[in-house]
Every structure is written in structure tokens, then in C-alpha cells.
């Protein structure tokens, strides 16, 4: 299944979501909290508080579809220390996120010498 090839944008919702929410509840989050149109050619990514499940919502021109992934071991590396509630991701970052990598990278280290 390669349904995400024609997607133009990927948006990650930084805050954790109650995973009892289904399509309609996630559409409301996209519209009201993310301030985006759920009908855009985009993927909208949500994570649960335990960070072991993802939901990806998208409009496929005939209706909404919901993709779900649960990790058996480990947790998704979810960005916490970012100022925005909605983070745009590249397709490469999406692939890395789904593989369990940290898509936001790490904070740069600064060194200074003491004489």
C-alpha cells in the first residue's frame, strides 16, 4: 500500500490526543486547534499520551481515511520542546517518524573553553 505518495503536505499535531477520538473528532482538531482545512491534500498526524500509537487522518477525495499504527516495543519520538502546536514535516521526516526516529533532531551543543 503506497497511498501517501501524492500527498503535498504533512502536519504533526504536537499535543497528545485522546485516542477514543475517531475521524470526526480528529477533523474538529484539524479545523479548530490546527487551524487547517481537513480537505487539503495533506496528512494530519496525532499521537496518544503513552506515545505508542499514531493516527494519520487524510482526505482521499471520496471521504476521510484513518491510518493507525501501534508500536509493540519502544515509543514514538514526539517533539515536546517546540513553540508551535502544528509542525509541518517533510515526507522524509514522516518516514523517519514511522520508523521510530526523532524527526526534530536534537538540540545543538555549544562548547566553550575555560582558560
C-alpha atoms as a PDB file:
ATOM      1  CA  UNK A   1       0.000   0.000   0.000  1.00  0.00           C
ATOM      2  CA  UNK A   2       1.546   3.242  -1.128  1.00  0.00           C
ATOM      3  CA  UNK A   3      -1.304   5.714  -0.616  1.00  0.00           C
ATOM      4  CA  UNK A   4       0.801   8.583   0.723  1.00  0.00           C
ATOM      5  CA  UNK A   5       2.767   9.225  -2.488  1.00  0.00           C
ATOM      6  CA  UNK A   6       0.561  12.044  -3.829  1.00  0.00           C
ATOM      7  CA  UNK A   7       0.322  13.946  -0.554  1.00  0.00           C
ATOM      8  CA  UNK A   8       1.554  17.545  -0.738  1.00  0.00           C
ATOM      9  CA  UNK A   9       1.890  18.336   2.979  1.00  0.00           C
ATOM     10  CA  UNK A  10       2.308  16.589   6.332  1.00  0.00           C
ATOM     11  CA  UNK A  11       1.297  18.213   9.627  1.00  0.00           C
ATOM     12  CA  UNK A  12       2.017  16.891  13.088  1.00  0.00           C
ATOM     13  CA  UNK A  13      -0.234  17.877  15.989  1.00  0.00           C
ATOM     14  CA  UNK A  14       2.198  18.350  18.885  1.00  0.00           C
ATOM     15  CA  UNK A  15      -0.228  17.863  21.785  1.00  0.00           C
ATOM     16  CA  UNK A  16      -1.324  14.373  22.739  1.00  0.00           C
ATOM     17  CA  UNK A  17      -4.817  13.289  21.692  1.00  0.00           C
ATOM     18  CA  UNK A  18      -7.401  11.101  23.404  1.00  0.00           C
ATOM     19  CA  UNK A  19      -7.381   8.048  21.138  1.00  0.00           C
ATOM     20  CA  UNK A  20     -11.073   7.406  21.682  1.00  0.00           C
ATOM     21  CA  UNK A  21     -11.487  10.165  19.090  1.00  0.00           C
ATOM     22  CA  UNK A  22     -12.322   8.840  15.663  1.00  0.00           C
ATOM     23  CA  UNK A  23     -12.448  10.640  12.324  1.00  0.00           C
ATOM     24  CA  UNK A  24     -14.996  13.312  13.285  1.00  0.00           C
ATOM     25  CA  UNK A  25     -13.172  14.235  16.499  1.00  0.00           C
ATOM     26  CA  UNK A  26      -9.834  14.493  14.705  1.00  0.00           C
ATOM     27  CA  UNK A  27     -11.378  16.640  11.949  1.00  0.00           C
ATOM     28  CA  UNK A  28     -12.518  19.083  14.647  1.00  0.00           C
ATOM     29  CA  UNK A  29      -8.935  19.241  15.995  1.00  0.00           C
ATOM     30  CA  UNK A  30      -7.586  19.935  12.500  1.00  0.00           C
ATOM     31  CA  UNK A  31     -10.098  22.742  11.964  1.00  0.00           C
ATOM     32  CA  UNK A  32     -10.158  24.367  15.403  1.00  0.00           C
ATOM     33  CA  UNK A  33      -6.766  23.726  17.009  1.00  0.00           C
ATOM     34  CA  UNK A  34      -4.505  23.349  13.992  1.00  0.00           C
ATOM     35  CA  UNK A  35      -6.490  25.953  12.017  1.00  0.00           C
ATOM     36  CA  UNK A  36      -6.124  23.986   8.787  1.00  0.00           C
ATOM     37  CA  UNK A  37      -8.598  22.567   6.310  1.00  0.00           C
ATOM     38  CA  UNK A  38      -9.022  18.802   6.704  1.00  0.00           C
ATOM     39  CA  UNK A  39      -9.881  18.674   2.979  1.00  0.00           C
ATOM     40  CA  UNK A  40      -6.376  19.787   1.963  1.00  0.00           C
ATOM     41  CA  UNK A  41      -4.087  17.351   0.193  1.00  0.00           C
ATOM     42  CA  UNK A  42      -2.311  16.646   3.479  1.00  0.00           C
ATOM     43  CA  UNK A  43      -1.721  14.113   6.223  1.00  0.00           C
ATOM     44  CA  UNK A  44      -2.521  15.064   9.821  1.00  0.00           C
ATOM     45  CA  UNK A  45      -0.606  13.076  12.446  1.00  0.00           C
ATOM     46  CA  UNK A  46      -1.748  12.543  16.037  1.00  0.00           C
ATOM     47  CA  UNK A  47      -0.184  10.639  18.947  1.00  0.00           C
ATOM     48  CA  UNK A  48      -1.531   9.225  22.217  1.00  0.00           C
ATOM     49  CA  UNK A  49      -0.137  10.166  25.627  1.00  0.00           C
ATOM     50  CA  UNK A  50       1.787   6.895  26.002  1.00  0.00           C
ATOM     51  CA  UNK A  51       3.449   7.666  22.625  1.00  0.00           C
ATOM     52  CA  UNK A  52       2.993   4.097  21.404  1.00  0.00           C
ATOM     53  CA  UNK A  53       0.185   4.799  18.917  1.00  0.00           C
ATOM     54  CA  UNK A  54      -0.230   7.107  15.926  1.00  0.00           C
ATOM     55  CA  UNK A  55      -3.258   8.071  13.913  1.00  0.00           C
ATOM     56  CA  UNK A  56      -2.943   9.679  10.497  1.00  0.00           C
ATOM     57  CA  UNK A  57      -6.013  11.386   9.076  1.00  0.00           C
ATOM     58  CA  UNK A  58      -6.376  12.320   5.420  1.00  0.00           C
ATOM     59  CA  UNK A  59      -8.994  13.167   2.824  1.00  0.00           C
ATOM     60  CA  UNK A  60      -8.740  10.889  -0.215  1.00  0.00           C
ATOM     61  CA  UNK A  61     -11.174  12.820  -2.464  1.00  0.00           C
ATOM     62  CA  UNK A  62     -14.039  10.401  -1.667  1.00  0.00           C
ATOM     63  CA  UNK A  63     -14.025  10.539   2.114  1.00  0.00           C
ATOM     64  CA  UNK A  64     -11.815  10.648   5.167  1.00  0.00           C
ATOM     65  CA  UNK A  65      -9.431   7.798   5.882  1.00  0.00           C
ATOM     66  CA  UNK A  66      -7.727   6.996   9.149  1.00  0.00           C
ATOM     67  CA  UNK A  67      -4.421   5.117   9.333  1.00  0.00           C
ATOM     68  CA  UNK A  68      -3.385   3.650  12.692  1.00  0.00           C
ATOM     69  CA  UNK A  69      -0.040   2.344  13.903  1.00  0.00           C
ATOM     70  CA  UNK A  70       0.799   0.782  17.261  1.00  0.00           C
ATOM     71  CA  UNK A  71       4.335   0.021  18.359  1.00  0.00           C
ATOM     72  CA  UNK A  72       4.830  -3.261  20.185  1.00  0.00           C
ATOM     73  CA  UNK A  73       8.067  -2.056  21.758  1.00  0.00           C
ATOM     74  CA  UNK A  74       9.519   1.424  22.257  1.00  0.00           C
ATOM     75  CA  UNK A  75       7.767   4.770  21.827  1.00  0.00           C
ATOM     76  CA  UNK A  76       7.486   7.359  19.113  1.00  0.00           C
ATOM     77  CA  UNK A  77       9.934  10.245  19.479  1.00  0.00           C
ATOM     78  CA  UNK A  78       7.396  13.035  19.819  1.00  0.00           C
ATOM     79  CA  UNK A  79       8.524  16.691  19.780  1.00  0.00           C
ATOM     80  CA  UNK A  80       7.924  18.416  23.094  1.00  0.00           C
ATOM     81  CA  UNK A  81      10.122  21.493  23.172  1.00  0.00           C
ATOM     82  CA  UNK A  82       8.758  23.349  20.174  1.00  0.00           C
ATOM     83  CA  UNK A  83       6.749  26.546  20.285  1.00  0.00           C
ATOM     84  CA  UNK A  84       4.110  25.704  17.680  1.00  0.00           C
ATOM     85  CA  UNK A  85       1.154  23.355  18.166  1.00  0.00           C
ATOM     86  CA  UNK A  86       1.265  22.376  14.484  1.00  0.00           C
ATOM     87  CA  UNK A  87       4.514  21.247  12.932  1.00  0.00           C
ATOM     88  CA  UNK A  88       4.956  20.806   9.191  1.00  0.00           C
ATOM     89  CA  UNK A  89       7.015  17.740   8.299  1.00  0.00           C
ATOM     90  CA  UNK A  90       8.696  16.652   5.107  1.00  0.00           C
ATOM     91  CA  UNK A  91       7.897  13.272   3.593  1.00  0.00           C
ATOM     92  CA  UNK A  92      11.330  12.093   4.712  1.00  0.00           C
ATOM     93  CA  UNK A  93      10.581  13.147   8.301  1.00  0.00           C
ATOM     94  CA  UNK A  94       7.293  11.222   8.117  1.00  0.00           C
ATOM     95  CA  UNK A  95       9.144   8.071   7.086  1.00  0.00           C
ATOM     96  CA  UNK A  96      11.664   8.561   9.899  1.00  0.00           C
ATOM     97  CA  UNK A  97       8.875   9.131  12.433  1.00  0.00           C
ATOM     98  CA  UNK A  98       7.113   5.931  11.373  1.00  0.00           C
ATOM     99  CA  UNK A  99      10.411   4.063  11.731  1.00  0.00           C
ATOM    100  CA  UNK A 100      10.841   5.364  15.282  1.00  0.00           C
ATOM    101  CA  UNK A 101      13.465   8.060  14.732  1.00  0.00           C
ATOM    102  CA  UNK A 102      13.445  11.560  16.222  1.00  0.00           C
ATOM    103  CA  UNK A 103      12.254  13.810  13.391  1.00  0.00           C
ATOM    104  CA  UNK A 104      13.083  17.049  15.170  1.00  0.00           C
ATOM    105  CA  UNK A 105      16.705  16.128  15.725  1.00  0.00           C
ATOM    106  CA  UNK A 106      18.496  17.102  18.868  1.00  0.00           C
ATOM    107  CA  UNK A 107      19.359  20.436  20.369  1.00  0.00           C
ATOM    108  CA  UNK A 108      22.737  21.714  19.190  1.00  0.00           C
ATOM    109  CA  UNK A 109      25.542  21.575  21.716  1.00  0.00           C
ATOM    110  CA  UNK A 110      27.641  24.634  22.407  1.00  0.00           C
ATOM    111  CA  UNK A 111      31.093  24.339  23.891  1.00  0.00           C
ATOM    112  CA  UNK A 112      33.347  26.938  25.320  1.00  0.00           C
ATOM    113  CA  UNK A 113      36.797  26.671  26.757  1.00  0.00           C
ATOM    114  CA  UNK A 114      37.879  27.950  30.101  1.00  0.00           C
ATOM    115  CA  UNK A 115      41.428  29.176  30.404  1.00  0.00           C
END
